[in-house]
Structures are given as C-alpha cells and as structure tokens.
Protein backbone atom coordinates (compact mmCIF):
# COMPACT_ATOMS: atom_id res chain seq x y z
CA MET A 1 105.26 135.47 123.77
CA ASN A 2 108.48 133.39 122.80
CA GLN A 3 110.80 134.70 120.66
CA SER A 4 110.36 133.58 117.36
CA ASN A 5 106.79 135.29 117.53
CA VAL A 6 108.63 138.59 118.64
CA VAL A 7 110.41 138.75 115.03
CA GLN A 8 107.68 137.60 112.80
CA LYS A 9 105.97 140.93 114.52
CA LEU A 10 108.64 143.02 113.45
CA TRP A 11 108.27 141.69 110.24
CA ASN A 12 104.81 141.94 109.60
CA TYR A 13 104.19 145.36 111.23
CA CYS A 14 106.75 146.34 108.28
CA ASN A 15 104.62 144.81 105.62
CA VAL A 16 101.84 147.45 107.44
CA LEU A 17 103.97 150.41 107.25
CA ARG A 18 104.86 149.81 103.95
CA ASP A 19 101.52 149.91 102.65
CA ASP A 20 101.47 153.44 104.24
CA GLY A 21 104.08 154.07 102.20
CA MET A 22 107.18 154.15 104.74
CA SER A 23 110.08 152.05 103.10
CA TYR A 24 112.50 149.57 105.00
CA GLY A 25 115.37 151.91 105.58
CA ASP A 26 112.69 154.47 107.43
CA TYR A 27 111.22 151.47 109.66
CA VAL A 28 114.90 150.26 110.57
CA GLU A 29 115.24 153.54 111.28
CA GLN A 30 111.75 154.27 113.95
CA LEU A 31 112.35 150.99 115.45
CA THR A 32 116.18 152.11 116.07
CA TYR A 33 115.14 154.89 118.05
CA LEU A 34 112.35 153.54 119.56
CA LEU A 35 114.06 150.40 120.97
CA PHE A 36 116.94 152.65 122.10
CA LEU A 37 114.12 154.19 124.77
CA LYS A 38 112.99 150.99 125.46
CA MET A 39 116.27 149.58 126.02
CA ALA A 40 116.98 152.68 128.21
CA ASP A 41 114.76 152.28 130.43
CA GLU A 42 114.60 148.99 131.42
CA ARG A 43 118.36 148.95 132.16
CA THR A 44 117.57 151.22 134.99
CA LYS A 45 115.49 148.73 136.80
CA ALA A 46 116.57 145.60 138.42
CA PRO A 47 119.40 143.51 138.32
CA TYR A 48 120.98 146.08 135.82
CA ASN A 49 120.47 149.12 138.27
CA GLN A 50 121.86 151.87 135.71
CA LYS A 51 121.13 155.85 134.94
CA SER A 52 120.01 156.54 131.98
CA PRO A 53 121.19 158.74 129.74
CA VAL A 54 117.97 159.86 128.34
CA PRO A 55 116.74 162.78 130.04
CA LYS A 56 113.20 161.88 132.33
CA GLU A 57 110.93 164.14 130.50
CA TYR A 58 111.91 162.33 127.21
CA SER A 59 112.03 158.26 128.61
CA TRP A 60 109.97 155.58 127.67
CA PRO A 61 107.18 155.62 130.73
CA VAL A 62 106.55 159.49 129.06
CA LEU A 63 106.33 158.38 125.77
CA VAL A 64 103.97 155.37 126.05
CA LYS A 65 101.76 157.66 128.70
CA LYS A 66 100.99 159.31 125.20
CA ASP A 67 98.41 159.10 122.19
CA GLY A 68 97.18 161.09 119.62
CA ASP A 69 98.41 164.35 117.95
CA GLU A 70 99.77 164.46 121.39
CA LEU A 71 101.96 161.62 121.29
CA PHE A 72 102.80 162.60 117.53
CA ASP A 73 103.65 166.13 119.19
CA HIS A 74 106.09 164.37 121.56
CA TYR A 75 107.90 162.54 119.73
CA ARG A 76 108.57 164.45 117.38
CA HIS A 77 110.43 166.89 120.33
CA THR A 78 112.02 163.91 121.80
CA LEU A 79 114.09 163.82 118.22
CA GLU A 80 115.29 166.75 118.15
CA VAL A 81 116.31 166.79 122.04
CA LEU A 82 118.30 163.72 121.71
CA GLY A 83 119.97 164.34 118.60
CA ASN A 84 121.53 167.48 120.30
CA GLN A 85 122.69 165.16 122.91
CA LYS A 86 126.50 163.68 123.29
CA GLY A 87 128.32 159.88 123.07
CA LEU A 88 125.95 157.26 122.18
CA LEU A 89 122.66 158.87 122.41
CA GLY A 90 124.12 162.19 119.53
CA LEU A 91 125.03 159.19 117.68
CA ILE A 92 121.55 157.11 117.71
CA PHE A 93 119.54 160.15 117.33
CA ASN A 94 121.29 162.57 115.63
CA LYS A 95 119.29 164.32 112.33
CA SER A 96 115.95 162.03 113.40
CA GLN A 97 113.06 162.77 112.20
CA ASN A 98 109.24 161.42 112.79
CA LYS A 99 108.44 159.56 109.26
CA PHE A 100 105.44 157.82 110.97
CA GLN A 101 101.64 159.37 108.84
CA ASP A 102 99.90 158.26 111.17
CA PRO A 103 99.69 158.78 115.19
CA ALA A 104 97.94 155.76 115.43
CA LYS A 105 100.03 153.52 113.84
CA LEU A 106 103.10 155.07 116.31
CA ARG A 107 101.09 154.17 118.79
CA ARG A 108 101.26 150.43 117.56
CA LEU A 109 103.78 150.05 117.18
CA VAL A 110 104.85 151.86 120.75
CA VAL A 111 101.98 149.97 122.41
CA ASP A 112 101.53 147.31 120.76
CA LEU A 113 104.72 145.76 119.72
CA ILE A 114 107.81 147.31 122.01
CA ASP A 115 106.38 148.33 124.82
CA LYS A 116 105.33 144.41 125.32
CA GLU A 117 108.78 142.86 125.40
CA GLU A 118 111.53 142.56 127.29
CA TRP A 119 114.66 143.56 125.41
CA VAL A 120 117.52 143.38 127.51
CA SER A 121 116.84 140.61 128.48
CA MET A 122 116.04 138.60 125.11
CA SER A 123 119.14 137.01 123.86
CA ALA A 124 121.22 138.62 121.12
CA ASP A 125 121.03 136.37 118.66
CA VAL A 126 117.12 136.84 118.10
CA LYS A 127 116.94 140.55 118.66
CA GLY A 128 120.14 140.71 116.39
CA ASP A 129 119.26 138.37 113.51
CA ALA A 130 115.65 140.05 113.17
CA TYR A 131 117.26 143.59 113.04
CA GLU A 132 120.19 142.60 110.26
CA GLY A 133 117.26 140.62 108.68
CA LEU A 134 115.48 144.15 108.69
CA LEU A 135 118.51 145.50 107.15
CA GLU A 136 119.39 143.21 105.02
CA LYS A 137 115.90 144.08 103.87
CA ASN A 138 116.52 147.52 103.20
CA ALA A 139 119.79 146.89 101.04
CA GLN A 140 117.87 144.43 98.75
CA ASP A 141 115.16 147.65 98.01
CA THR A 142 116.94 149.04 95.27
CA LYS A 143 115.00 151.68 95.38
CA SER A 144 116.90 153.38 98.73
CA GLY A 145 120.79 152.58 97.16
CA ALA A 146 121.57 151.05 101.32
CA GLY A 147 123.18 147.86 99.26
CA GLN A 148 126.23 149.49 99.20
CA TYR A 149 126.47 149.92 102.95
CA PHE A 150 125.60 146.10 103.12
CA THR A 151 128.69 143.55 102.41
CA PRO A 152 127.02 139.58 101.59
CA ARG A 153 127.41 137.89 104.72
CA PRO A 154 127.98 135.05 103.03
CA LEU A 155 131.39 136.74 102.37
CA ILE A 156 132.34 138.74 104.96
CA GLN A 157 132.07 134.75 106.67
CA ALA A 158 134.52 134.11 104.19
CA ILE A 159 136.89 136.59 104.97
CA VAL A 160 136.27 135.93 108.78
CA ASP A 161 136.81 132.69 108.36
CA VAL A 162 140.19 132.99 106.67
CA MET A 163 141.00 135.71 109.09
CA ALA A 164 140.37 133.81 112.41
CA PRO A 165 140.45 136.55 114.88
CA LYS A 166 141.48 135.50 118.73
CA PRO A 167 140.65 136.74 121.97
CA GLY A 168 142.51 140.14 122.79
CA GLU A 169 142.87 140.97 119.48
CA THR A 170 141.31 144.54 118.47
CA VAL A 171 139.87 145.00 115.05
CA SER A 172 138.58 147.93 113.17
CA ASP A 173 136.39 148.47 109.49
CA PRO A 174 137.23 151.84 108.16
CA ALA A 175 134.30 151.53 106.04
CA CYS A 176 131.27 149.59 107.69
CA GLY A 177 128.38 150.50 106.87
CA THR A 178 126.05 148.70 109.13
CA GLY A 179 128.62 146.87 110.89
CA GLY A 180 128.39 143.19 109.26
CA PHE A 181 132.42 142.78 109.36
CA LEU A 182 132.58 143.78 112.85
CA LEU A 183 129.56 141.73 114.15
CA ALA A 184 131.17 138.12 112.51
CA ALA A 185 134.18 138.97 113.62
CA HIS A 186 132.90 139.11 116.84
CA ASP A 187 130.26 135.51 116.57
CA TYR A 188 133.49 134.18 115.84
CA VAL A 189 135.87 134.49 119.12
CA VAL A 190 132.66 133.48 120.81
CA LYS A 191 131.62 130.67 118.89
CA HIS A 192 135.42 129.46 118.63
CA ASN A 193 136.37 130.42 122.80
CA PRO A 194 133.32 129.20 124.47
CA ASN A 195 134.85 129.58 128.00
CA LEU A 196 136.13 132.93 127.82
CA THR A 197 136.60 134.65 131.41
CA LYS A 198 134.95 137.95 132.45
CA PRO A 199 137.77 140.18 132.10
CA GLN A 200 137.81 138.86 128.19
CA LYS A 201 134.01 139.11 127.68
CA THR A 202 133.81 142.77 129.33
CA LYS A 203 137.15 143.58 126.92
CA LEU A 204 135.63 141.78 123.61
CA LYS A 205 132.29 143.54 124.18
CA GLU A 206 133.47 147.53 124.81
CA GLU A 207 137.69 147.20 123.88
CA THR A 208 137.79 145.20 120.76
CA PHE A 209 136.17 146.45 117.70
CA LYS A 210 136.11 150.35 116.97
CA GLY A 211 134.44 151.36 112.95
CA TRP A 212 134.15 154.34 111.00
CA GLU A 213 131.12 154.99 108.81
CA LEU A 214 131.12 158.32 106.48
CA VAL A 215 127.02 158.42 105.72
CA GLN A 216 125.05 159.48 109.65
CA ALA A 217 122.63 157.33 108.54
CA THR A 218 123.77 154.53 108.39
CA ALA A 219 126.42 154.52 111.33
CA ARG A 220 123.25 154.90 113.24
CA LEU A 221 122.23 151.72 112.13
CA CYS A 222 125.73 150.60 112.62
CA ALA A 223 125.44 151.16 115.88
CA MET A 224 122.30 150.27 117.43
CA ASN A 225 122.54 146.77 115.19
CA MET A 226 126.16 146.84 117.46
CA LEU A 227 124.22 147.10 120.70
CA LEU A 228 121.48 144.60 119.56
CA HIS A 229 124.01 141.67 119.34
CA GLY A 230 125.84 142.96 122.95
CA ILE A 231 128.77 145.00 121.68
CA GLY A 232 129.05 148.51 122.92
CA SER A 233 127.81 150.13 125.84
CA GLN A 234 126.21 154.16 126.43
CA ASP A 235 129.46 154.24 127.43
CA PHE A 236 131.21 152.81 124.84
CA GLU A 237 131.03 154.07 121.22
CA PRO A 238 132.44 151.50 118.86
CA ILE A 239 131.21 153.65 115.76
CA ALA A 240 132.75 157.24 114.44
CA VAL A 241 131.22 159.69 111.81
CA SER A 242 134.37 160.36 109.89
CA ASP A 243 135.85 160.06 106.81
CA SER A 244 138.56 157.61 107.11
CA LEU A 245 140.35 159.12 104.46
CA ALA A 246 140.50 162.19 105.28
CA ALA A 247 143.01 161.65 108.11
CA ASP A 248 144.99 159.42 109.99
CA PRO A 249 142.92 158.28 113.05
CA GLY A 250 146.91 157.12 114.81
CA ASP A 251 145.12 154.50 116.26
CA ARG A 252 146.15 150.82 115.62
CA PHE A 253 144.81 147.39 115.58
CA ASP A 254 145.67 143.99 115.36
CA LEU A 255 142.92 142.84 112.41
CA VAL A 256 141.74 145.32 110.30
CA LEU A 257 137.94 143.45 107.93
CA THR A 258 136.77 145.89 105.75
CA ASN A 259 135.11 146.47 101.92
CA PRO A 260 135.67 149.83 101.04
CA PRO A 261 134.80 151.86 97.92
CA PHE A 262 137.17 151.11 95.42
CA GLY A 263 138.69 154.82 94.63
CA LYS A 264 140.11 158.09 96.52
CA LYS A 265 136.96 160.35 94.89
CA SER A 266 133.75 162.39 95.96
CA SER A 267 131.89 164.35 95.25
CA THR A 268 129.61 167.46 97.13
CA THR A 269 126.43 167.82 95.65
CA ILE A 270 125.45 172.20 94.97
CA VAL A 271 121.93 173.43 94.79
CA GLY A 272 121.91 176.87 93.41
CA GLU A 273 118.96 179.75 93.84
CA GLU A 274 117.71 178.49 90.79
CA GLY A 275 117.85 175.03 91.79
CA LYS A 276 120.00 174.44 89.78
CA VAL A 277 122.78 171.34 90.53
CA SER A 278 126.32 171.05 90.08
CA ARG A 279 129.05 168.84 91.29
CA GLU A 280 132.44 169.82 93.20
CA ARG A 281 135.09 166.57 92.76
CA ASP A 282 136.46 166.63 96.43
CA ILE A 283 139.99 164.53 95.82
CA VAL A 284 141.63 164.09 98.79
CA GLU A 285 145.48 164.78 99.60
CA ARG A 286 147.84 162.34 101.49
CA GLY A 287 151.68 161.42 101.86
CA ASP A 288 150.88 157.63 101.52
CA PHE A 289 148.17 157.82 98.36
CA TRP A 290 151.48 157.69 95.54
CA THR A 291 148.59 157.89 92.39
CA THR A 292 145.47 159.20 91.43
CA THR A 293 143.06 158.02 88.87
CA SER A 294 139.40 157.89 87.70
CA ASN A 295 139.50 155.00 85.90
CA ALA A 296 137.76 151.61 87.76
CA ALA A 297 139.87 149.34 86.93
CA SER A 298 143.10 150.44 86.66
CA HIS A 299 145.53 149.39 90.30
CA GLY A 300 145.66 153.20 91.69
CA ARG A 301 141.68 152.90 92.42
CA ARG A 302 142.62 150.35 94.40
CA GLU A 303 145.38 151.17 96.42
CA ALA A 304 144.24 154.24 97.84
CA PRO A 305 141.72 151.89 100.20
CA ARG A 306 144.34 148.79 100.83
CA ARG A 307 146.59 151.74 101.69
CA VAL A 308 144.32 152.86 104.36
CA VAL A 309 143.74 149.47 106.12
CA ARG A 310 147.58 148.73 106.23
CA GLY A 311 147.92 152.24 107.85
CA ARG A 312 145.81 151.30 110.44
CA ARG A 313 147.11 147.63 110.91
CA ARG A 314 149.73 147.06 113.75
CA ALA A 315 152.97 146.14 113.45
CA GLY A 316 152.72 142.13 112.70
CA GLY A 317 148.73 142.32 112.76
CA ARG A 318 147.35 141.15 109.66
CA SER A 319 144.10 142.71 107.51
CA SER A 320 141.30 141.99 104.58
CA GLN A 321 139.78 143.45 102.01
CA PRO A 322 137.32 142.45 98.85
CA LEU A 323 139.89 142.48 95.77
CA ALA A 324 138.72 144.32 92.98
CA PRO A 325 138.63 142.92 89.81
CA SER A 326 140.45 144.34 87.03
CA ARG A 327 137.09 143.67 85.02
CA PRO A 328 133.49 142.47 86.51
CA LEU A 329 133.72 139.16 87.73
CA TRP A 330 130.22 138.09 86.33
CA ALA A 331 131.42 138.71 82.86
CA SER A 332 132.18 134.95 82.25
CA VAL A 333 129.44 133.58 85.02
CA ARG A 334 127.01 134.57 83.02
CA ARG A 335 127.95 133.44 79.50
CA ALA A 336 125.66 130.40 78.78
CA PRO A 337 128.36 127.35 79.01
CA GLU A 338 127.51 126.14 75.36
CA ALA A 339 128.91 130.19 74.78
CA ARG A 340 131.98 129.93 76.57
CA ALA A 341 132.52 126.06 74.31
CA ALA A 342 132.20 127.27 71.42
CA ARG A 343 135.08 130.13 71.90
CA PRO A 344 138.41 129.81 69.95
CA GLN A 345 140.67 127.62 72.27
CA GLY A 346 143.79 129.42 72.53
CA GLY A 347 142.28 132.23 70.13
CA ARG A 348 141.37 136.18 70.94
CA GLY A 349 140.17 136.87 73.81
CA ALA A 350 139.68 132.80 75.13
CA PRO A 351 139.53 133.22 78.29
CA SER A 352 142.67 130.69 80.71
CA PRO A 353 142.50 127.84 82.17
CA GLU A 354 143.01 130.04 85.23
CA GLY A 355 140.71 131.95 84.70
CA ARG A 356 138.01 129.63 84.10
CA ARG A 357 138.47 127.66 87.39
CA ARG A 358 138.80 130.52 89.97
CA LYS A 359 137.72 134.29 90.46
CA GLU A 360 139.70 136.55 92.79
CA CYS A 361 137.52 136.75 96.01
CA ALA A 362 139.68 138.64 98.68
CA VAL A 363 142.83 139.50 99.41
CA THR A 364 144.66 138.98 102.83
CA GLU A 365 147.31 140.43 104.04
CA GLY A 366 149.66 139.18 107.09
CA ALA A 367 153.14 139.93 108.59
CA LYS A 368 154.77 137.30 106.32
CA GLY A 369 153.55 138.96 103.33
CA ASP A 370 150.27 139.70 100.84
CA ARG A 371 147.88 135.69 100.69
CA MET A 372 144.95 135.28 98.25
CA ALA A 373 142.28 133.77 99.09
CA ARG A 374 140.45 132.37 96.40
CA SER A 375 136.94 130.78 95.21
CA ALA A 376 136.07 128.49 93.00
CA TYR A 377 133.09 129.14 90.88
C-alpha cells in the first residue's frame, strides 16, 4: 500500500467510528495510543535496535494477539499501567481511557490499519500531515471546543516566515496547543537549510524546541504530533504540562513564537454534593504583571501574555504573537461594501483610511525594539 492510501485509510476509518458515536477528538486520542505502541515496537528491530520504553507484557505484539473481550480488557489495562509511567510514556498515556464501544472495531483498527504499516520508516511529511489533518478536523468540530488549542496554520506560517528561525536557535511556545508554531519553525529551518550537518540535525530534533501546555489531553496530542514529525524522542520530552502564567520556569530561548490566551485569569469548576456547579476565580499574582483587568478590550488583557513571552526570551532574542485587537477584526470586514461606502466620510463612526486598508495581524519584538507586522485586507 502506498503512502497516499494510508492517509485515505486513516480518514475512512475515522468516518466509520464517527458513525459509531466517536468524535474526532476521541479518534485522534485512540490513534495516538496505538501508534505510539506500534512505533515503539518497530524501533526495537533493525536498523534501529532501540530498547522499548513499554514493558514487554504491554507491548504491541502482545496486543495484536488478543481478540474480543480479551482484547478490550487488555487494552484498557495497558492504558492504565502506561499512564502511571514517567517520561514521554507518561505524557502520552496519562489519564488515558478506552473510548471504543465495540471490540470488533478496535480489532479492525489494530490489525487492518496500524499493524500492516511500517510507521517509523514512513515519511514524516506523510504521517505527520495526516495527523495534522485529523487535529484540524477536530478543531473545526465546534462541539468539542478544541478550536481554542488550534491556531490556523496560515497565520502560524506567516508569523514564522517573518521571524525566520535559524539553525542553532532555541524556540519556545509557552501556550503550544497542538504544536503548530514549533512544527512550522522546524519545517522552516529544514526547508531553508538543506545541508545541515548530523550534529545540527540531532540538536534540531532533541534540543531546539520546548512547549508548555496547560491541558493534559492537548499536550498528549502535541507530543504525538511532534513525534510523528520527527521532533523529540523517547528520552526527550519537548512538551511540559504546566501553567505558563504560574511561575517563571527559568529557561530562556532565542525565539518565542506563541498565540496565548489573552488574559491572566482562569477559573476552577466545583461540583457540590447536590450537583450544584460553581466557579472560583484564579488570579495569578506575579511581579512582572503590573495590571489586572477583566476587560478583554483593555491593554492589560494583552499585557500579561506579552510579558510571559518577553520573560522567556533570551537577551537579544526575538518573539512573535498575534496582537489582540481593541475591537473584533471582522467587525468592518463582514459589513457589505455598499454599506461601508454609504457611511458619511469623516462623520461619527466613519472608519479611518488606515483602518480601511489594514488590520492588525501580528506583533514581533526584537532586540532593536518592537516591530509591527501588518497584512492588508
């Protein structure tokens, strides 16, 4: 089977499981667990000959031999055991659950789709792009709420093109979501530097990128997304599950690329004994956050994440993030052209020439000061 057929098979099986009540998000998670087990087993064979981080009794060959209820029980127990491990194994499997309803469908995914392919030897572009496609579909599924973790890839690409990362530079995203900025930076370096030495390639894979993500399920998808694209290894965890706002991690980077949530407040949901739901506000207090506000249109709402970005940037480094507007960018874009033209020129509410020509797209900060990148609409 050629690689394009593998991608199509991934999509087709996703549709089969959706008919069975499984969401895109659930499918991507289950695919993540099974792909990791299969790839860990492939690396134990020639020419890799690596030691598997997965205990032998929960390895891929043992799972493939199971069927029916025995397969169901073994798969569930495998997720529980591996979720208690440390390192990359724990990051991938922590709080994992079996979302399959039918043992036959799990068996079909294991035997017919995943076991028949050699995933480690497959091009990173093919398997990585297929996984990215599933993540994007999940983000477009409004019911899942996953869109908040998936920055549109054209916006990411535009920002990375402006920042132009170089070989040897370290890159960070303190709100990495599914890893779009880190992957785009990696691809940019590889594309514009085709003659990298072996040490440079090793550093690019295992020492260059670092991301932080607050939500465990999203961090899992990010870690697998990067692994499929050839970033990270069983011994190197490029993703940390923690709150970037809580404290300064102490690390500094040459380049910070991010699209953080605009604000510094969060909340904890509490369910009482009678089922009543309440929320408690969590406010981060840090010396470098000099203002607090709940007004999304105010400068302070944008200042907290910008200071997190600046704090992680190494002296002389560069950073970039989308600029939060003081009003929705689409407010005038969606208005009919004739309606906009009919408005009194220079009167109350009339848009300025600058406002008609441009919209704020991204802000980049460098050693020589702040620079504003704008795109015409």
